[in-house]
């Protein structure tokens, strides 16, 4: 059986939230990154954290939960993504931003199935028409060679990419609803 792997991208600067480790924010009963880990683990994914050595809370979280860590240069999402996937050295791989919180337990199953069925080198996903940062890499990136891609929209209730204070408030309102 194919081992499914997910890379959680956790090395950003968090400029809009003024917090580079925003994935450690608590929303309801979950820390954002713990929500992702729980749902991905439940779906049978092996999880790798891609981050920089400056993100100490994220590194401690990964170590405590016995997850592999790929240290990246912190050169931006796209470059760090390529660095992480090449370092891992295997495809297909699901990639998600660590600042995504979801109540949709089937989200990553649907993403994996659609992504691995595609013939594209990289499949990016929008959630309800909005950029999500989720992708499936079907080929290893090669320096300077553009990769063919496809974008697929997934309908998902209760999924939030927390990039701004307004996103955080929307997610908190949703997850704290009675």
C-alpha atoms as a PDB file:
ATOM      1  CA  UNK A   1       0.000   0.000   0.000  1.00  0.00           C
ATOM      2  CA  UNK A   2       1.222   3.483  -0.897  1.00  0.00           C
ATOM      3  CA  UNK A   3       2.136   5.579   2.135  1.00  0.00           C
ATOM      4  CA  UNK A   4       0.435   8.929   1.734  1.00  0.00           C
ATOM      5  CA  UNK A   5       2.548  11.860   2.854  1.00  0.00           C
ATOM      6  CA  UNK A   6       1.515  15.414   3.683  1.00  0.00           C
ATOM      7  CA  UNK A   7       3.872  18.349   4.118  1.00  0.00           C
ATOM      8  CA  UNK A   8       2.613  21.139   6.357  1.00  0.00           C
ATOM      9  CA  UNK A   9       4.237  24.429   5.389  1.00  0.00           C
ATOM     10  CA  UNK A  10       5.030  26.226   8.657  1.00  0.00           C
ATOM     11  CA  UNK A  11       7.909  28.562   7.879  1.00  0.00           C
ATOM     12  CA  UNK A  12       6.177  31.791   6.911  1.00  0.00           C
ATOM     13  CA  UNK A  13       6.767  35.225   8.327  1.00  0.00           C
ATOM     14  CA  UNK A  14       3.145  35.797   9.407  1.00  0.00           C
ATOM     15  CA  UNK A  15       3.346  39.459   8.381  1.00  0.00           C
ATOM     16  CA  UNK A  16      -0.419  40.105   8.148  1.00  0.00           C
ATOM     17  CA  UNK A  17      -1.037  38.492  11.538  1.00  0.00           C
ATOM     18  CA  UNK A  18       2.135  39.907  13.134  1.00  0.00           C
ATOM     19  CA  UNK A  19       2.920  36.357  14.261  1.00  0.00           C
ATOM     20  CA  UNK A  20       5.257  34.034  12.335  1.00  0.00           C
ATOM     21  CA  UNK A  21       3.963  31.057  14.332  1.00  0.00           C
ATOM     22  CA  UNK A  22       0.271  31.816  13.779  1.00  0.00           C
ATOM     23  CA  UNK A  23      -0.407  28.107  13.308  1.00  0.00           C
ATOM     24  CA  UNK A  24       0.020  27.790  17.093  1.00  0.00           C
ATOM     25  CA  UNK A  25      -3.041  30.020  17.739  1.00  0.00           C
ATOM     26  CA  UNK A  26      -5.922  28.345  19.551  1.00  0.00           C
ATOM     27  CA  UNK A  27      -9.344  28.365  17.895  1.00  0.00           C
ATOM     28  CA  UNK A  28     -11.990  26.657  19.968  1.00  0.00           C
ATOM     29  CA  UNK A  29     -10.620  23.393  21.316  1.00  0.00           C
ATOM     30  CA  UNK A  30      -7.774  23.171  18.779  1.00  0.00           C
ATOM     31  CA  UNK A  31      -4.463  24.777  18.079  1.00  0.00           C
ATOM     32  CA  UNK A  32      -4.617  25.363  14.310  1.00  0.00           C
ATOM     33  CA  UNK A  33      -1.745  23.028  13.376  1.00  0.00           C
ATOM     34  CA  UNK A  34      -3.031  20.334  15.775  1.00  0.00           C
ATOM     35  CA  UNK A  35      -6.376  20.391  13.937  1.00  0.00           C
ATOM     36  CA  UNK A  36      -4.594  19.680  10.650  1.00  0.00           C
ATOM     37  CA  UNK A  37      -2.447  16.949  12.160  1.00  0.00           C
ATOM     38  CA  UNK A  38      -5.486  15.247  13.696  1.00  0.00           C
ATOM     39  CA  UNK A  39      -7.490  15.273  10.450  1.00  0.00           C
ATOM     40  CA  UNK A  40      -4.557  14.226   8.256  1.00  0.00           C
ATOM     41  CA  UNK A  41      -3.555  11.439  10.676  1.00  0.00           C
ATOM     42  CA  UNK A  42      -7.165  10.232  10.815  1.00  0.00           C
ATOM     43  CA  UNK A  43      -7.043  10.015   7.002  1.00  0.00           C
ATOM     44  CA  UNK A  44      -3.856   7.914   7.119  1.00  0.00           C
ATOM     45  CA  UNK A  45      -1.279  10.525   6.130  1.00  0.00           C
ATOM     46  CA  UNK A  46       2.310  10.525   7.352  1.00  0.00           C
ATOM     47  CA  UNK A  47       3.018  14.177   8.237  1.00  0.00           C
ATOM     48  CA  UNK A  48       6.189  16.169   7.670  1.00  0.00           C
ATOM     49  CA  UNK A  49       6.584  19.736   8.939  1.00  0.00           C
ATOM     50  CA  UNK A  50       8.481  22.194   6.697  1.00  0.00           C
ATOM     51  CA  UNK A  51       9.725  25.166   8.701  1.00  0.00           C
ATOM     52  CA  UNK A  52      12.755  27.241   9.613  1.00  0.00           C
ATOM     53  CA  UNK A  53      14.830  26.843  12.752  1.00  0.00           C
ATOM     54  CA  UNK A  54      13.461  30.219  13.911  1.00  0.00           C
ATOM     55  CA  UNK A  55       9.985  28.740  14.456  1.00  0.00           C
ATOM     56  CA  UNK A  56      10.789  27.168  17.814  1.00  0.00           C
ATOM     57  CA  UNK A  57       7.199  26.492  18.950  1.00  0.00           C
ATOM     58  CA  UNK A  58       6.452  24.714  15.674  1.00  0.00           C
ATOM     59  CA  UNK A  59       9.650  22.649  15.980  1.00  0.00           C
ATOM     60  CA  UNK A  60       8.779  21.656  19.565  1.00  0.00           C
ATOM     61  CA  UNK A  61       5.249  20.718  18.470  1.00  0.00           C
ATOM     62  CA  UNK A  62       6.625  18.514  15.669  1.00  0.00           C
ATOM     63  CA  UNK A  63       9.188  16.868  17.942  1.00  0.00           C
ATOM     64  CA  UNK A  64       6.616  16.250  20.689  1.00  0.00           C
ATOM     65  CA  UNK A  65       4.307  14.613  18.130  1.00  0.00           C
ATOM     66  CA  UNK A  66       7.156  12.572  16.562  1.00  0.00           C
ATOM     67  CA  UNK A  67       6.855  14.181  13.134  1.00  0.00           C
ATOM     68  CA  UNK A  68       9.751  14.613  10.752  1.00  0.00           C
ATOM     69  CA  UNK A  69      10.919  18.184  10.187  1.00  0.00           C
ATOM     70  CA  UNK A  70      12.352  19.536   6.937  1.00  0.00           C
ATOM     71  CA  UNK A  71      14.204  22.772   7.581  1.00  0.00           C
ATOM     72  CA  UNK A  72      13.890  25.294   4.757  1.00  0.00           C
ATOM     73  CA  UNK A  73      15.681  28.579   4.075  1.00  0.00           C
ATOM     74  CA  UNK A  74      12.603  30.719   4.727  1.00  0.00           C
ATOM     75  CA  UNK A  75      12.795  32.234   1.241  1.00  0.00           C
ATOM     76  CA  UNK A  76       9.040  32.395   0.633  1.00  0.00           C
ATOM     77  CA  UNK A  77       6.255  29.867   0.233  1.00  0.00           C
ATOM     78  CA  UNK A  78       6.984  28.815  -3.351  1.00  0.00           C
ATOM     79  CA  UNK A  79      10.749  28.358  -2.892  1.00  0.00           C
ATOM     80  CA  UNK A  80      10.338  26.665   0.500  1.00  0.00           C
ATOM     81  CA  UNK A  81       7.675  24.380  -0.976  1.00  0.00           C
ATOM     82  CA  UNK A  82      10.043  23.262  -3.741  1.00  0.00           C
ATOM     83  CA  UNK A  83      12.857  22.833  -1.231  1.00  0.00           C
ATOM     84  CA  UNK A  84      10.668  20.713   1.064  1.00  0.00           C
ATOM     85  CA  UNK A  85       9.341  18.458  -1.710  1.00  0.00           C
ATOM     86  CA  UNK A  86      12.823  17.905  -3.189  1.00  0.00           C
ATOM     87  CA  UNK A  87      14.221  17.216   0.298  1.00  0.00           C
ATOM     88  CA  UNK A  88      11.485  14.649   0.904  1.00  0.00           C
ATOM     89  CA  UNK A  89      12.303  13.091  -2.468  1.00  0.00           C
ATOM     90  CA  UNK A  90       9.010  11.361  -3.148  1.00  0.00           C
ATOM     91  CA  UNK A  91       5.759  12.076  -4.896  1.00  0.00           C
ATOM     92  CA  UNK A  92       2.837  12.246  -4.893  1.00  0.00           C
ATOM     93  CA  UNK A  93       2.704  14.418  -1.800  1.00  0.00           C
ATOM     94  CA  UNK A  94      -0.064  16.592  -0.405  1.00  0.00           C
ATOM     95  CA  UNK A  95       1.013  20.073   0.681  1.00  0.00           C
ATOM     96  CA  UNK A  96      -1.014  22.320   2.979  1.00  0.00           C
ATOM     97  CA  UNK A  97      -0.362  25.582   4.789  1.00  0.00           C
ATOM     98  CA  UNK A  98      -0.133  25.176   8.555  1.00  0.00           C
ATOM     99  CA  UNK A  99      -2.590  28.052   9.073  1.00  0.00           C
ATOM    100  CA  UNK A 100      -5.586  26.178   7.658  1.00  0.00           C
ATOM    101  CA  UNK A 101      -8.220  25.019  10.123  1.00  0.00           C
ATOM    102  CA  UNK A 102     -11.067  22.805   9.018  1.00  0.00           C
ATOM    103  CA  UNK A 103     -14.001  20.908  10.406  1.00  0.00           C
ATOM    104  CA  UNK A 104     -14.300  18.981   7.120  1.00  0.00           C
ATOM    105  CA  UNK A 105     -12.959  15.525   7.982  1.00  0.00           C
ATOM    106  CA  UNK A 106     -13.139  14.370   4.351  1.00  0.00           C
ATOM    107  CA  UNK A 107     -11.360  17.377   2.838  1.00  0.00           C
ATOM    108  CA  UNK A 108      -7.921  15.833   2.433  1.00  0.00           C
ATOM    109  CA  UNK A 109      -9.293  12.526   1.138  1.00  0.00           C
ATOM    110  CA  UNK A 110     -11.095  14.453  -1.608  1.00  0.00           C
ATOM    111  CA  UNK A 111      -7.997  16.559  -2.350  1.00  0.00           C
ATOM    112  CA  UNK A 112      -5.749  13.470  -2.524  1.00  0.00           C
ATOM    113  CA  UNK A 113      -8.096  11.577  -4.844  1.00  0.00           C
ATOM    114  CA  UNK A 114      -8.576  14.530  -7.221  1.00  0.00           C
ATOM    115  CA  UNK A 115      -4.912  15.509  -7.114  1.00  0.00           C
ATOM    116  CA  UNK A 116      -3.436  12.092  -7.767  1.00  0.00           C
ATOM    117  CA  UNK A 117      -5.964  11.391 -10.559  1.00  0.00           C
ATOM    118  CA  UNK A 118      -4.827  14.506 -12.411  1.00  0.00           C
ATOM    119  CA  UNK A 119      -2.126  14.243 -15.033  1.00  0.00           C
ATOM    120  CA  UNK A 120      -0.650  17.602 -13.990  1.00  0.00           C
ATOM    121  CA  UNK A 121       2.693  17.920 -12.217  1.00  0.00           C
ATOM    122  CA  UNK A 122       1.107  20.073  -9.544  1.00  0.00           C
ATOM    123  CA  UNK A 123      -2.569  20.395  -8.707  1.00  0.00           C
ATOM    124  CA  UNK A 124      -3.587  23.452  -6.726  1.00  0.00           C
ATOM    125  CA  UNK A 125      -6.879  23.639  -4.902  1.00  0.00           C
ATOM    126  CA  UNK A 126      -9.252  26.455  -4.172  1.00  0.00           C
ATOM    127  CA  UNK A 127     -11.800  26.064  -1.389  1.00  0.00           C
ATOM    128  CA  UNK A 128     -15.184  27.465  -2.338  1.00  0.00           C
ATOM    129  CA  UNK A 129     -13.443  29.564  -4.999  1.00  0.00           C
ATOM    130  CA  UNK A 130     -10.799  31.022  -2.652  1.00  0.00           C
ATOM    131  CA  UNK A 131      -7.074  30.277  -2.737  1.00  0.00           C
ATOM    132  CA  UNK A 132      -6.208  27.695  -0.092  1.00  0.00           C
ATOM    133  CA  UNK A 133      -2.488  26.942  -0.350  1.00  0.00           C
ATOM    134  CA  UNK A 134      -3.351  23.237  -0.669  1.00  0.00           C
ATOM    135  CA  UNK A 135      -1.753  21.313  -3.508  1.00  0.00           C
ATOM    136  CA  UNK A 136      -0.769  17.836  -4.593  1.00  0.00           C
ATOM    137  CA  UNK A 137       2.670  17.507  -6.152  1.00  0.00           C
ATOM    138  CA  UNK A 138       2.782  14.620  -8.629  1.00  0.00           C
ATOM    139  CA  UNK A 139       6.301  15.357  -9.886  1.00  0.00           C
ATOM    140  CA  UNK A 140       9.452  16.553  -8.180  1.00  0.00           C
ATOM    141  CA  UNK A 141      10.255  20.170  -9.051  1.00  0.00           C
ATOM    142  CA  UNK A 142      13.426  20.767 -11.069  1.00  0.00           C
ATOM    143  CA  UNK A 143      15.359  24.023 -10.844  1.00  0.00           C
ATOM    144  CA  UNK A 144      14.316  26.453 -13.578  1.00  0.00           C
ATOM    145  CA  UNK A 145      11.874  24.079 -15.268  1.00  0.00           C
ATOM    146  CA  UNK A 146       8.240  25.209 -15.070  1.00  0.00           C
ATOM    147  CA  UNK A 147       5.772  22.590 -13.946  1.00  0.00           C
ATOM    148  CA  UNK A 148       2.417  22.030 -15.597  1.00  0.00           C
ATOM    149  CA  UNK A 149      -0.476  22.633 -13.241  1.00  0.00           C
ATOM    150  CA  UNK A 150      -4.201  22.335 -12.859  1.00  0.00           C
ATOM    151  CA  UNK A 151      -6.493  24.139 -10.437  1.00  0.00           C
ATOM    152  CA  UNK A 152      -9.469  22.325  -8.927  1.00  0.00           C
ATOM    153  CA  UNK A 153     -12.156  23.897  -6.764  1.00  0.00           C
ATOM    154  CA  UNK A 154     -13.338  21.902  -3.754  1.00  0.00           C
ATOM    155  CA  UNK A 155     -16.561  22.717  -1.922  1.00  0.00           C
ATOM    156  CA  UNK A 156     -15.874  22.573   1.796  1.00  0.00           C
ATOM    157  CA  UNK A 157     -17.852  23.891   4.716  1.00  0.00           C
ATOM    158  CA  UNK A 158     -15.951  25.026   7.758  1.00  0.00           C
ATOM    159  CA  UNK A 159     -12.472  25.487   6.289  1.00  0.00           C
ATOM    160  CA  UNK A 160     -10.514  28.675   6.941  1.00  0.00           C
ATOM    161  CA  UNK A 161      -7.057  29.775   5.859  1.00  0.00           C
ATOM    162  CA  UNK A 162      -6.079  32.134   8.695  1.00  0.00           C
ATOM    163  CA  UNK A 163      -3.989  34.853   7.044  1.00  0.00           C
ATOM    164  CA  UNK A 164      -5.452  38.022   8.562  1.00  0.00           C
ATOM    165  CA  UNK A 165      -7.094  39.092  11.826  1.00  0.00           C
ATOM    166  CA  UNK A 166     -10.438  39.086   9.960  1.00  0.00           C
ATOM    167  CA  UNK A 167      -9.852  35.440   8.898  1.00  0.00           C
ATOM    168  CA  UNK A 168      -9.092  34.567  12.515  1.00  0.00           C
ATOM    169  CA  UNK A 169     -12.341  36.168  13.692  1.00  0.00           C
ATOM    170  CA  UNK A 170     -14.376  34.313  11.022  1.00  0.00           C
ATOM    171  CA  UNK A 171     -12.788  30.999  12.046  1.00  0.00           C
ATOM    172  CA  UNK A 172     -13.339  31.673  15.738  1.00  0.00           C
ATOM    173  CA  UNK A 173     -16.978  32.612  15.102  1.00  0.00           C
ATOM    174  CA  UNK A 174     -17.520  29.395  13.151  1.00  0.00           C
ATOM    175  CA  UNK A 175     -15.803  27.024  15.582  1.00  0.00           C
ATOM    176  CA  UNK A 176     -17.232  28.648  18.707  1.00  0.00           C
ATOM    177  CA  UNK A 177     -20.824  28.588  17.431  1.00  0.00           C
ATOM    178  CA  UNK A 178     -23.250  26.736  19.716  1.00  0.00           C
END
